[in-house]
Amino acid sequence: MRIEHPWFAAAAGAIVLQILALSASPYAIAQPWDTLWHFLAYSALTLLLWIATDGRRPLVLTAGVVLLGAASADFGAAACAAGLTAFTLFLMQGKRPCAESSPR
């Protein structure tokens, strides 16, 4: 997979490191906030990787995020976040407004 935007890939790497570090922490966040934070983290990770790769190979990208979520305690939230974010981005792909074609 070719990285088109390295800064977004670096930000995604920082999120992965935070996920791994916080999953090893002995402290837990009370429910339902734990599930919400998992959902937001994996959704942000999917978005950053999508931007970093310009949306190339969306199934590989989503599968990678879901596999990372498999190591998490809240796999359901991670899988839903990656799937919903990738599906939304896939639907939005190709609908980017530009200055010449946008209505005034």
Protein backbone atom coordinates (compact mmCIF):
# COMPACT_ATOMS: atom_id res chain seq x y z
CA MET A 1 0.00 0.00 0.00
CA ARG A 2 1.46 3.33 -1.04
CA ILE A 3 1.48 6.19 1.48
CA GLU A 4 0.52 9.44 -0.24
CA HIS A 5 0.36 11.67 2.84
CA PRO A 6 3.01 10.75 5.42
CA TRP A 7 1.77 13.18 8.08
CA PHE A 8 -1.57 11.42 8.23
CA ALA A 9 0.21 8.07 8.42
CA ALA A 10 2.30 9.40 11.31
CA ALA A 11 -0.85 10.56 13.12
CA ALA A 12 -2.38 7.10 12.58
CA GLY A 13 0.77 5.55 14.01
CA ALA A 14 0.46 7.76 17.08
CA ILE A 15 -3.12 6.57 17.58
CA VAL A 16 -2.02 2.93 17.27
CA LEU A 17 0.68 3.52 19.91
CA GLN A 18 -1.88 5.15 22.21
CA ILE A 19 -4.32 2.26 21.73
CA LEU A 20 -1.61 -0.26 22.57
CA ALA A 21 -0.35 1.72 25.58
CA LEU A 22 -3.81 2.37 27.01
CA SER A 23 -4.91 -1.23 26.55
CA ALA A 24 -2.01 -2.28 28.79
CA SER A 25 -3.04 0.24 31.46
CA PRO A 26 -4.48 -1.21 34.69
CA TYR A 27 -7.07 1.57 34.85
CA ALA A 28 -10.40 1.21 33.09
CA ILE A 29 -12.91 3.80 31.95
CA ALA A 30 -16.45 3.24 33.19
CA GLN A 31 -19.09 2.00 30.75
CA PRO A 32 -20.59 3.27 28.42
CA TRP A 33 -17.75 5.75 27.87
CA ASP A 34 -15.27 2.95 27.26
CA THR A 35 -17.19 1.75 24.21
CA LEU A 36 -17.61 5.30 22.93
CA TRP A 37 -13.87 6.02 23.20
CA HIS A 38 -13.06 2.75 21.42
CA PHE A 39 -15.47 3.65 18.63
CA LEU A 40 -14.00 7.15 18.23
CA ALA A 41 -10.39 5.96 18.31
CA TYR A 42 -10.88 3.26 15.67
CA SER A 43 -13.00 5.55 13.52
CA ALA A 44 -10.28 8.23 13.62
CA LEU A 45 -7.65 5.61 12.83
CA THR A 46 -9.63 4.42 9.80
CA LEU A 47 -10.11 8.00 8.59
CA LEU A 48 -6.43 8.89 8.96
CA LEU A 49 -5.29 5.75 7.13
CA TRP A 50 -7.86 6.36 4.38
CA ILE A 51 -6.51 9.88 3.85
CA ALA A 52 -2.89 8.69 4.05
CA THR A 53 -3.45 6.12 1.30
CA ASP A 54 -5.89 8.21 -0.78
CA GLY A 55 -8.56 5.53 -0.33
CA ARG A 56 -6.62 2.84 -2.14
CA ARG A 57 -7.37 -0.75 -1.08
CA PRO A 58 -10.22 0.04 1.31
CA LEU A 59 -10.82 -3.61 2.22
CA VAL A 60 -7.19 -4.16 3.24
CA LEU A 61 -7.22 -0.94 5.26
CA THR A 62 -10.46 -1.84 7.04
CA ALA A 63 -9.32 -5.40 7.71
CA GLY A 64 -6.10 -4.09 9.26
CA VAL A 65 -7.98 -1.80 11.62
CA VAL A 66 -10.41 -4.60 12.53
CA LEU A 67 -7.49 -6.95 13.24
CA LEU A 68 -5.99 -4.34 15.54
CA GLY A 69 -9.39 -4.17 17.23
CA ALA A 70 -9.31 -7.92 17.72
CA ALA A 71 -6.55 -7.38 20.26
CA SER A 72 -8.79 -4.91 22.08
CA ALA A 73 -11.23 -5.71 24.85
CA ASP A 74 -14.06 -4.07 22.92
CA PHE A 75 -13.82 -5.74 19.52
CA GLY A 76 -17.43 -4.94 18.58
CA ALA A 77 -16.96 -1.20 18.87
CA ALA A 78 -13.68 -1.34 16.97
CA ALA A 79 -15.11 -3.43 14.13
CA CYS A 80 -18.25 -1.28 13.84
CA ALA A 81 -16.22 1.93 13.84
CA ALA A 82 -13.83 0.71 11.14
CA GLY A 83 -16.63 -0.70 9.01
CA LEU A 84 -18.97 2.29 9.26
CA THR A 85 -16.19 4.81 8.69
CA ALA A 86 -14.82 2.95 5.67
CA PHE A 87 -18.32 2.47 4.23
CA THR A 88 -19.10 6.19 4.63
CA LEU A 89 -15.79 7.19 3.05
CA PHE A 90 -16.35 4.72 0.21
CA LEU A 91 -19.76 6.28 -0.52
CA MET A 92 -18.26 9.78 -0.42
CA GLN A 93 -15.35 8.87 -2.69
CA GLY A 94 -15.42 10.82 -5.93
CA LYS A 95 -17.81 13.45 -4.59
CA ARG A 96 -15.15 16.02 -3.75
CA PRO A 97 -16.23 19.55 -4.61
CA CYS A 98 -13.75 21.78 -6.38
CA ALA A 99 -13.75 25.52 -6.97
CA GLU A 100 -14.68 25.25 -10.65
CA SER A 101 -17.66 22.93 -10.23
CA SER A 102 -19.14 24.09 -6.93
CA PRO A 103 -22.24 26.28 -7.10
CA ARG A 104 -22.03 29.82 -5.81
